[in-house]
Amino acid sequence: MNPAIRILEAIIFGGRWLIVPIYLCLLLLLAVLVAYFVGEIVHIIPMIGAMSETALLLFALSLIDLSLTANLVVLVIISGYENFVRKVEFNKSDPRPEWMSHIDFAGLKLKLLSSITVIAAVQLLRSFLDIGNETDRDLLWQLAIVLGFGVLSLLLAVTDRVDAKGR
């Protein structure tokens, strides 16, 4: 093979490392999400006794949203790194999580879309619980978005299944 082509291919293949700073910034985003989550809990503790059930449910759904978003960030960081940069090597004291061996790029797309759908659904539930502060138009748009993501998730899953059977 031509040495110039070999060098070019090595440079292109090595270019995958350029995405690593993005994953590091996503780790910073994860730290911000954790700090915000903890701040919300610290802020609400003195007011818990005076909260209505609806306010408590809205608060819980906000924390669930943050948790789902944090899970999504972790999934993107680890799966993206494993799929596009390099396999992560673990030692025996910190075993590899089971889900890591099952997520390829198609699985990552499906899990991302499913997670986004669930986050949108939780937001819709929050809106329904706080219906007095929501307009019908906003509720309809939120419902349309959840349904759109749900249909898209279903279509992606069916497409991936058909593609897998064809191989």
C-alpha atoms as a PDB file:
ATOM      1  CA  MET A   1       0.000   0.000   0.000  1.00  0.00           C
ATOM      2  CA  ASN A   2       1.135   3.536  -0.758  1.00  0.00           C
ATOM      3  CA  PRO A   3       2.857   5.092   2.315  1.00  0.00           C
ATOM      4  CA  ALA A   4       1.025   8.408   1.773  1.00  0.00           C
ATOM      5  CA  ILE A   5      -2.331   6.623   1.891  1.00  0.00           C
ATOM      6  CA  ARG A   6      -1.245   4.705   4.993  1.00  0.00           C
ATOM      7  CA  ILE A   7      -0.333   8.014   6.732  1.00  0.00           C
ATOM      8  CA  LEU A   8      -3.577   9.641   5.614  1.00  0.00           C
ATOM      9  CA  GLU A   9      -5.622   6.728   6.945  1.00  0.00           C
ATOM     10  CA  ALA A  10      -3.715   6.794  10.253  1.00  0.00           C
ATOM     11  CA  ILE A  11      -4.483  10.503  10.605  1.00  0.00           C
ATOM     12  CA  ILE A  12      -8.160   9.986   9.768  1.00  0.00           C
ATOM     13  CA  PHE A  13      -8.425   7.037  12.162  1.00  0.00           C
ATOM     14  CA  GLY A  14      -6.618   9.012  14.875  1.00  0.00           C
ATOM     15  CA  GLY A  15      -9.078  11.860  14.348  1.00  0.00           C
ATOM     16  CA  ARG A  16     -11.602   9.965  16.435  1.00  0.00           C
ATOM     17  CA  TRP A  17      -9.726  11.263  19.487  1.00  0.00           C
ATOM     18  CA  LEU A  18     -10.933  14.774  18.658  1.00  0.00           C
ATOM     19  CA  ILE A  19     -14.315  13.872  20.162  1.00  0.00           C
ATOM     20  CA  VAL A  20     -12.793  13.173  23.605  1.00  0.00           C
ATOM     21  CA  PRO A  21     -12.971  16.851  24.730  1.00  0.00           C
ATOM     22  CA  ILE A  22     -16.706  16.737  24.013  1.00  0.00           C
ATOM     23  CA  TYR A  23     -17.074  13.764  26.353  1.00  0.00           C
ATOM     24  CA  LEU A  24     -15.021  15.579  28.994  1.00  0.00           C
ATOM     25  CA  CYS A  25     -17.325  18.593  28.705  1.00  0.00           C
ATOM     26  CA  LEU A  26     -20.287  16.257  29.068  1.00  0.00           C
ATOM     27  CA  LEU A  27     -18.697  15.086  32.327  1.00  0.00           C
ATOM     28  CA  LEU A  28     -18.695  18.723  33.437  1.00  0.00           C
ATOM     29  CA  LEU A  29     -22.361  18.918  32.470  1.00  0.00           C
ATOM     30  CA  LEU A  30     -22.982  15.837  34.613  1.00  0.00           C
ATOM     31  CA  ALA A  31     -21.272  17.555  37.556  1.00  0.00           C
ATOM     32  CA  VAL A  32     -23.480  20.621  37.019  1.00  0.00           C
ATOM     33  CA  LEU A  33     -26.589  18.421  36.980  1.00  0.00           C
ATOM     34  CA  VAL A  34     -25.508  16.754  40.237  1.00  0.00           C
ATOM     35  CA  ALA A  35     -24.798  20.117  41.873  1.00  0.00           C
ATOM     36  CA  TYR A  36     -28.159  21.468  40.747  1.00  0.00           C
ATOM     37  CA  PHE A  37     -29.939  18.320  41.989  1.00  0.00           C
ATOM     38  CA  VAL A  38     -28.313  18.585  45.417  1.00  0.00           C
ATOM     39  CA  GLY A  39     -29.023  22.333  45.520  1.00  0.00           C
ATOM     40  CA  GLU A  40     -32.698  21.713  44.811  1.00  0.00           C
ATOM     41  CA  ILE A  41     -32.935  19.193  47.644  1.00  0.00           C
ATOM     42  CA  VAL A  42     -31.119  21.485  50.084  1.00  0.00           C
ATOM     43  CA  HIS A  43     -33.369  24.374  49.058  1.00  0.00           C
ATOM     44  CA  ILE A  44     -36.613  22.407  49.496  1.00  0.00           C
ATOM     45  CA  ILE A  45     -35.895  20.671  52.834  1.00  0.00           C
ATOM     46  CA  PRO A  46     -36.940  23.630  55.016  1.00  0.00           C
ATOM     47  CA  MET A  47     -40.199  23.990  53.057  1.00  0.00           C
ATOM     48  CA  ILE A  48     -41.301  20.353  52.901  1.00  0.00           C
ATOM     49  CA  GLY A  49     -43.718  20.644  55.849  1.00  0.00           C
ATOM     50  CA  ALA A  50     -45.595  23.510  54.208  1.00  0.00           C
ATOM     51  CA  MET A  51     -45.803  21.947  50.726  1.00  0.00           C
ATOM     52  CA  SER A  52     -49.024  20.686  49.218  1.00  0.00           C
ATOM     53  CA  GLU A  53     -49.156  17.192  47.780  1.00  0.00           C
ATOM     54  CA  THR A  54     -49.206  18.593  44.246  1.00  0.00           C
ATOM     55  CA  ALA A  55     -46.165  20.780  44.939  1.00  0.00           C
ATOM     56  CA  LEU A  56     -44.326  17.779  46.363  1.00  0.00           C
ATOM     57  CA  LEU A  57     -45.226  15.672  43.319  1.00  0.00           C
ATOM     58  CA  LEU A  58     -44.051  18.448  40.979  1.00  0.00           C
ATOM     59  CA  PHE A  59     -40.791  18.656  42.915  1.00  0.00           C
ATOM     60  CA  ALA A  60     -40.340  14.867  42.753  1.00  0.00           C
ATOM     61  CA  LEU A  61     -40.986  14.892  39.000  1.00  0.00           C
ATOM     62  CA  SER A  62     -38.398  17.662  38.598  1.00  0.00           C
ATOM     63  CA  LEU A  63     -35.818  15.515  40.383  1.00  0.00           C
ATOM     64  CA  ILE A  64     -36.797  12.494  38.292  1.00  0.00           C
ATOM     65  CA  ASP A  65     -36.310  14.606  35.163  1.00  0.00           C
ATOM     66  CA  LEU A  66     -32.849  15.615  36.371  1.00  0.00           C
ATOM     67  CA  SER A  67     -32.020  11.992  37.156  1.00  0.00           C
ATOM     68  CA  LEU A  68     -33.139  10.799  33.722  1.00  0.00           C
ATOM     69  CA  THR A  69     -31.126  13.574  32.078  1.00  0.00           C
ATOM     70  CA  ALA A  70     -28.035  12.620  34.105  1.00  0.00           C
ATOM     71  CA  ASN A  71     -28.501   8.968  33.087  1.00  0.00           C
ATOM     72  CA  LEU A  72     -28.750  10.077  29.476  1.00  0.00           C
ATOM     73  CA  VAL A  73     -25.501  12.041  29.748  1.00  0.00           C
ATOM     74  CA  VAL A  74     -23.700   9.018  31.263  1.00  0.00           C
ATOM     75  CA  LEU A  75     -25.071   6.774  28.524  1.00  0.00           C
ATOM     76  CA  VAL A  76     -23.872   9.144  25.801  1.00  0.00           C
ATOM     77  CA  ILE A  77     -20.418   9.574  27.349  1.00  0.00           C
ATOM     78  CA  ILE A  78     -19.646   5.914  27.935  1.00  0.00           C
ATOM     79  CA  SER A  79     -21.368   4.433  24.900  1.00  0.00           C
ATOM     80  CA  GLY A  80     -20.091   7.145  22.598  1.00  0.00           C
ATOM     81  CA  TYR A  81     -16.538   6.719  23.832  1.00  0.00           C
ATOM     82  CA  GLU A  82     -16.760   2.930  23.516  1.00  0.00           C
ATOM     83  CA  ASN A  83     -18.358   3.024  20.061  1.00  0.00           C
ATOM     84  CA  PHE A  84     -16.278   5.768  18.481  1.00  0.00           C
ATOM     85  CA  VAL A  85     -12.989   6.129  20.349  1.00  0.00           C
ATOM     86  CA  ARG A  86     -11.827   3.100  22.279  1.00  0.00           C
ATOM     87  CA  LYS A  87     -13.062   0.192  24.389  1.00  0.00           C
ATOM     88  CA  VAL A  88     -12.875   0.964  28.097  1.00  0.00           C
ATOM     89  CA  GLU A  89     -10.687  -1.452  30.029  1.00  0.00           C
ATOM     90  CA  PHE A  90     -11.790  -2.290  33.553  1.00  0.00           C
ATOM     91  CA  ASN A  91      -9.993  -3.896  36.424  1.00  0.00           C
ATOM     92  CA  LYS A  92     -11.499  -6.730  38.453  1.00  0.00           C
ATOM     93  CA  SER A  93     -12.365  -4.473  41.416  1.00  0.00           C
ATOM     94  CA  ASP A  94     -14.540  -2.269  39.181  1.00  0.00           C
ATOM     95  CA  PRO A  95     -16.359  -4.678  36.857  1.00  0.00           C
ATOM     96  CA  ARG A  96     -17.848  -3.607  33.557  1.00  0.00           C
ATOM     97  CA  PRO A  97     -21.566  -2.760  33.831  1.00  0.00           C
ATOM     98  CA  GLU A  98     -23.713  -5.368  32.094  1.00  0.00           C
ATOM     99  CA  TRP A  99     -25.399  -2.861  29.752  1.00  0.00           C
ATOM    100  CA  MET A 100     -22.077  -1.756  28.230  1.00  0.00           C
ATOM    101  CA  SER A 101     -21.586  -5.014  26.395  1.00  0.00           C
ATOM    102  CA  HIS A 102     -25.012  -4.761  24.742  1.00  0.00           C
ATOM    103  CA  ILE A 103     -25.077  -1.214  23.373  1.00  0.00           C
ATOM    104  CA  ASP A 104     -23.879  -0.693  19.829  1.00  0.00           C
ATOM    105  CA  PHE A 105     -24.596   2.452  17.827  1.00  0.00           C
ATOM    106  CA  ALA A 106     -28.113   1.297  16.879  1.00  0.00           C
ATOM    107  CA  GLY A 107     -28.858   0.454  20.510  1.00  0.00           C
ATOM    108  CA  LEU A 108     -27.471   3.807  21.605  1.00  0.00           C
ATOM    109  CA  LYS A 109     -29.783   5.641  19.183  1.00  0.00           C
ATOM    110  CA  LEU A 110     -32.778   3.708  20.459  1.00  0.00           C
ATOM    111  CA  LYS A 111     -31.896   4.221  24.125  1.00  0.00           C
ATOM    112  CA  LEU A 112     -31.314   7.941  23.544  1.00  0.00           C
ATOM    113  CA  LEU A 113     -34.621   8.384  21.769  1.00  0.00           C
ATOM    114  CA  SER A 114     -36.427   6.315  24.393  1.00  0.00           C
ATOM    115  CA  SER A 115     -34.863   8.368  27.195  1.00  0.00           C
ATOM    116  CA  ILE A 116     -35.824  11.622  25.509  1.00  0.00           C
ATOM    117  CA  THR A 117     -39.377  10.290  25.123  1.00  0.00           C
ATOM    118  CA  VAL A 118     -39.573   9.433  28.822  1.00  0.00           C
ATOM    119  CA  ILE A 119     -38.163  12.843  29.802  1.00  0.00           C
ATOM    120  CA  ALA A 120     -40.773  14.533  27.590  1.00  0.00           C
ATOM    121  CA  ALA A 121     -43.500  12.340  29.107  1.00  0.00           C
ATOM    122  CA  VAL A 122     -42.431  13.285  32.644  1.00  0.00           C
ATOM    123  CA  GLN A 123     -42.538  16.946  31.627  1.00  0.00           C
ATOM    124  CA  LEU A 124     -46.043  16.408  30.218  1.00  0.00           C
ATOM    125  CA  LEU A 125     -47.121  14.777  33.489  1.00  0.00           C
ATOM    126  CA  ARG A 126     -45.735  17.766  35.392  1.00  0.00           C
ATOM    127  CA  SER A 127     -47.746  20.058  33.147  1.00  0.00           C
ATOM    128  CA  PHE A 128     -50.929  18.070  33.741  1.00  0.00           C
ATOM    129  CA  LEU A 129     -50.362  18.226  37.508  1.00  0.00           C
ATOM    130  CA  ASP A 130     -49.918  21.990  37.225  1.00  0.00           C
ATOM    131  CA  ILE A 131     -52.711  22.370  34.669  1.00  0.00           C
ATOM    132  CA  GLY A 132     -53.899  25.675  36.127  1.00  0.00           C
ATOM    133  CA  ASN A 133     -50.677  27.320  34.971  1.00  0.00           C
ATOM    134  CA  GLU A 134     -50.623  25.744  31.503  1.00  0.00           C
ATOM    135  CA  THR A 135     -52.405  26.799  28.349  1.00  0.00           C
ATOM    136  CA  ASP A 136     -54.278  24.290  26.217  1.00  0.00           C
ATOM    137  CA  ARG A 137     -51.940  25.116  23.352  1.00  0.00           C
ATOM    138  CA  ASP A 138     -48.835  24.290  25.434  1.00  0.00           C
ATOM    139  CA  LEU A 139     -50.374  21.026  26.616  1.00  0.00           C
ATOM    140  CA  LEU A 140     -51.268  20.023  23.058  1.00  0.00           C
ATOM    141  CA  TRP A 141     -47.752  20.772  21.847  1.00  0.00           C
ATOM    142  CA  GLN A 142     -46.238  18.777  24.703  1.00  0.00           C
ATOM    143  CA  LEU A 143     -48.561  15.858  23.954  1.00  0.00           C
ATOM    144  CA  ALA A 144     -47.710  16.043  20.240  1.00  0.00           C
ATOM    145  CA  ILE A 145     -43.990  16.043  21.054  1.00  0.00           C
ATOM    146  CA  VAL A 146     -44.294  13.006  23.348  1.00  0.00           C
ATOM    147  CA  LEU A 147     -46.361  11.141  20.754  1.00  0.00           C
ATOM    148  CA  GLY A 148     -43.930  12.130  18.001  1.00  0.00           C
ATOM    149  CA  PHE A 149     -40.938  10.863  19.974  1.00  0.00           C
ATOM    150  CA  GLY A 150     -42.850   7.686  20.852  1.00  0.00           C
ATOM    151  CA  VAL A 151     -43.717   6.967  17.211  1.00  0.00           C
ATOM    152  CA  LEU A 152     -40.166   7.773  16.145  1.00  0.00           C
ATOM    153  CA  SER A 153     -38.798   5.390  18.817  1.00  0.00           C
ATOM    154  CA  LEU A 154     -41.120   2.651  17.626  1.00  0.00           C
ATOM    155  CA  LEU A 155     -40.156   3.172  13.975  1.00  0.00           C
ATOM    156  CA  LEU A 156     -36.459   3.150  14.845  1.00  0.00           C
ATOM    157  CA  ALA A 157     -36.860  -0.081  16.846  1.00  0.00           C
ATOM    158  CA  VAL A 158     -38.757  -1.758  13.991  1.00  0.00           C
ATOM    159  CA  THR A 159     -36.181  -0.559  11.450  1.00  0.00           C
ATOM    160  CA  ASP A 160     -33.303  -1.871  13.553  1.00  0.00           C
ATOM    161  CA  ARG A 161     -35.041  -5.225  14.034  1.00  0.00           C
ATOM    162  CA  VAL A 162     -35.685  -5.587  10.286  1.00  0.00           C
ATOM    163  CA  ASP A 163     -32.085  -4.573   9.564  1.00  0.00           C
ATOM    164  CA  ALA A 164     -30.763  -7.128  12.077  1.00  0.00           C
ATOM    165  CA  LYS A 165     -32.848  -9.931  10.536  1.00  0.00           C
ATOM    166  CA  GLY A 166     -31.536  -9.016   7.087  1.00  0.00           C
ATOM    167  CA  ARG A 167     -27.914  -9.569   8.083  1.00  0.00           C
END
